[in-house]
C-alpha atoms as a PDB file:
ATOM      1  CA  UNK A   1     142.658  96.624  69.236  1.00  0.00           C
ATOM      2  CA  UNK A   2     143.544  93.306  70.857  1.00  0.00           C
ATOM      3  CA  UNK A   3     142.056  90.151  69.365  1.00  0.00           C
ATOM      4  CA  UNK A   4     141.865  87.000  71.424  1.00  0.00           C
ATOM      5  CA  UNK A   5     142.380  83.739  69.605  1.00  0.00           C
ATOM      6  CA  UNK A   6     140.728  80.581  70.850  1.00  0.00           C
ATOM      7  CA  UNK A   7     143.586  78.046  70.887  1.00  0.00           C
ATOM      8  CA  UNK A   8     141.068  75.191  70.665  1.00  0.00           C
ATOM      9  CA  UNK A   9     140.063  76.242  67.165  1.00  0.00           C
ATOM     10  CA  UNK A  10     143.546  76.225  65.670  1.00  0.00           C
ATOM     11  CA  UNK A  11     143.907  72.923  63.752  1.00  0.00           C
ATOM     12  CA  UNK A  12     147.672  72.710  64.278  1.00  0.00           C
ATOM     13  CA  UNK A  13     147.242  73.123  68.029  1.00  0.00           C
ATOM     14  CA  UNK A  14     144.633  70.358  68.170  1.00  0.00           C
ATOM     15  CA  UNK A  15     146.882  68.025  66.194  1.00  0.00           C
ATOM     16  CA  UNK A  16     149.812  68.688  68.550  1.00  0.00           C
ATOM     17  CA  UNK A  17     147.619  68.094  71.587  1.00  0.00           C
ATOM     18  CA  UNK A  18     146.267  64.842  70.146  1.00  0.00           C
ATOM     19  CA  UNK A  19     149.790  63.618  69.325  1.00  0.00           C
ATOM     20  CA  UNK A  20     150.951  64.484  72.832  1.00  0.00           C
ATOM     21  CA  UNK A  21     147.989  62.653  74.329  1.00  0.00           C
ATOM     22  CA  UNK A  22     148.703  59.603  72.163  1.00  0.00           C
ATOM     23  CA  UNK A  23     152.367  59.586  73.251  1.00  0.00           C
ATOM     24  CA  UNK A  24     151.335  59.798  76.894  1.00  0.00           C
ATOM     25  CA  UNK A  25     148.860  56.943  76.490  1.00  0.00           C
ATOM     26  CA  UNK A  26     151.538  54.827  74.786  1.00  0.00           C
ATOM     27  CA  UNK A  27     153.918  55.492  77.691  1.00  0.00           C
ATOM     28  CA  UNK A  28     151.287  54.509  80.236  1.00  0.00           C
ATOM     29  CA  UNK A  29     150.443  51.330  78.297  1.00  0.00           C
ATOM     30  CA  UNK A  30     154.151  50.445  78.141  1.00  0.00           C
ATOM     31  CA  UNK A  31     154.518  51.066  81.876  1.00  0.00           C
ATOM     32  CA  UNK A  32     151.459  48.921  82.634  1.00  0.00           C
ATOM     33  CA  UNK A  33     152.952  46.123  80.543  1.00  0.00           C
ATOM     34  CA  UNK A  34     155.903  46.019  82.958  1.00  0.00           C
ATOM     35  CA  UNK A  35     153.635  44.946  85.832  1.00  0.00           C
ATOM     36  CA  UNK A  36     152.788  41.382  86.741  1.00  0.00           C
ATOM     37  CA  UNK A  37     149.305  40.282  85.694  1.00  0.00           C
ATOM     38  CA  UNK A  38     148.073  40.567  89.299  1.00  0.00           C
ATOM     39  CA  UNK A  39     149.576  44.033  89.767  1.00  0.00           C
ATOM     40  CA  UNK A  40     148.095  45.193  86.484  1.00  0.00           C
ATOM     41  CA  UNK A  41     144.673  43.806  87.369  1.00  0.00           C
ATOM     42  CA  UNK A  42     144.709  45.549  90.764  1.00  0.00           C
ATOM     43  CA  UNK A  43     145.794  48.900  89.295  1.00  0.00           C
ATOM     44  CA  UNK A  44     143.216  48.706  86.544  1.00  0.00           C
ATOM     45  CA  UNK A  45     140.461  47.677  88.974  1.00  0.00           C
ATOM     46  CA  UNK A  46     141.348  50.312  91.576  1.00  0.00           C
ATOM     47  CA  UNK A  47     142.263  53.268  89.361  1.00  0.00           C
ATOM     48  CA  UNK A  48     141.361  52.817  85.716  1.00  0.00           C
ATOM     49  CA  UNK A  49     137.918  51.251  85.635  1.00  0.00           C
ATOM     50  CA  UNK A  50     134.668  53.204  85.716  1.00  0.00           C
ATOM     51  CA  UNK A  51     133.463  51.286  88.765  1.00  0.00           C
ATOM     52  CA  UNK A  52     136.468  51.354  91.054  1.00  0.00           C
ATOM     53  CA  UNK A  53     137.056  48.205  93.092  1.00  0.00           C
ATOM     54  CA  UNK A  54     137.678  48.537  96.806  1.00  0.00           C
ATOM     55  CA  UNK A  55     140.517  46.885  98.656  1.00  0.00           C
ATOM     56  CA  UNK A  56     137.882  44.606 100.220  1.00  0.00           C
ATOM     57  CA  UNK A  57     136.562  43.603  96.775  1.00  0.00           C
ATOM     58  CA  UNK A  58     140.032  42.640  95.597  1.00  0.00           C
ATOM     59  CA  UNK A  59     140.978  40.975  98.879  1.00  0.00           C
ATOM     60  CA  UNK A  60     137.953  38.683  98.546  1.00  0.00           C
ATOM     61  CA  UNK A  61     138.661  38.023  94.870  1.00  0.00           C
ATOM     62  CA  UNK A  62     142.303  37.076  95.466  1.00  0.00           C
ATOM     63  CA  UNK A  63     141.713  35.542  98.908  1.00  0.00           C
ATOM     64  CA  UNK A  64     144.265  37.904 100.425  1.00  0.00           C
ATOM     65  CA  UNK A  65     144.143  40.434 103.249  1.00  0.00           C
ATOM     66  CA  UNK A  66     143.261  44.083 102.673  1.00  0.00           C
ATOM     67  CA  UNK A  67     146.775  44.972 103.740  1.00  0.00           C
ATOM     68  CA  UNK A  68     148.343  42.621 101.184  1.00  0.00           C
ATOM     69  CA  UNK A  69     146.245  44.129  98.374  1.00  0.00           C
ATOM     70  CA  UNK A  70     147.308  47.601  99.526  1.00  0.00           C
ATOM     71  CA  UNK A  71     150.957  46.516  99.522  1.00  0.00           C
ATOM     72  CA  UNK A  72     150.659  45.093  95.997  1.00  0.00           C
ATOM     73  CA  UNK A  73     148.962  48.285  94.821  1.00  0.00           C
ATOM     74  CA  UNK A  74     151.646  50.483  96.408  1.00  0.00           C
ATOM     75  CA  UNK A  75     154.468  48.440  94.876  1.00  0.00           C
ATOM     76  CA  UNK A  76     152.782  48.506  91.461  1.00  0.00           C
ATOM     77  CA  UNK A  77     152.333  52.271  91.605  1.00  0.00           C
ATOM     78  CA  UNK A  78     156.005  52.645  92.503  1.00  0.00           C
ATOM     79  CA  UNK A  79     156.963  50.466  89.506  1.00  0.00           C
ATOM     80  CA  UNK A  80     154.736  52.562  87.243  1.00  0.00           C
ATOM     81  CA  UNK A  81     156.257  55.790  88.520  1.00  0.00           C
ATOM     82  CA  UNK A  82     159.820  54.506  88.030  1.00  0.00           C
ATOM     83  CA  UNK A  83     159.091  53.163  84.548  1.00  0.00           C
ATOM     84  CA  UNK A  84     157.425  56.405  83.454  1.00  0.00           C
ATOM     85  CA  UNK A  85     160.340  58.414  84.864  1.00  0.00           C
ATOM     86  CA  UNK A  86     162.815  56.278  82.888  1.00  0.00           C
ATOM     87  CA  UNK A  87     160.780  56.620  79.707  1.00  0.00           C
ATOM     88  CA  UNK A  88     160.548  60.384  80.115  1.00  0.00           C
ATOM     89  CA  UNK A  89     164.330  60.762  79.865  1.00  0.00           C
END
């Protein structure tokens, strides 16, 4: 007879998952710290907040064009990706 084990109920598995999640969050926080304050603000407003800001919202706030906000966001995401890739090695 085959018995299925719910992996969610194994304490060791939960601990490993929580540790992995904490490491990932630490990596993301470190990567975010590498951004300029404006880049970080834009990324947090566009991607990490509950009420996501639009490009128009941020353009008005910074008195910049939509395109310039998009460029800053794109550059910041590239920095984040590169930093996370470096940290992963």
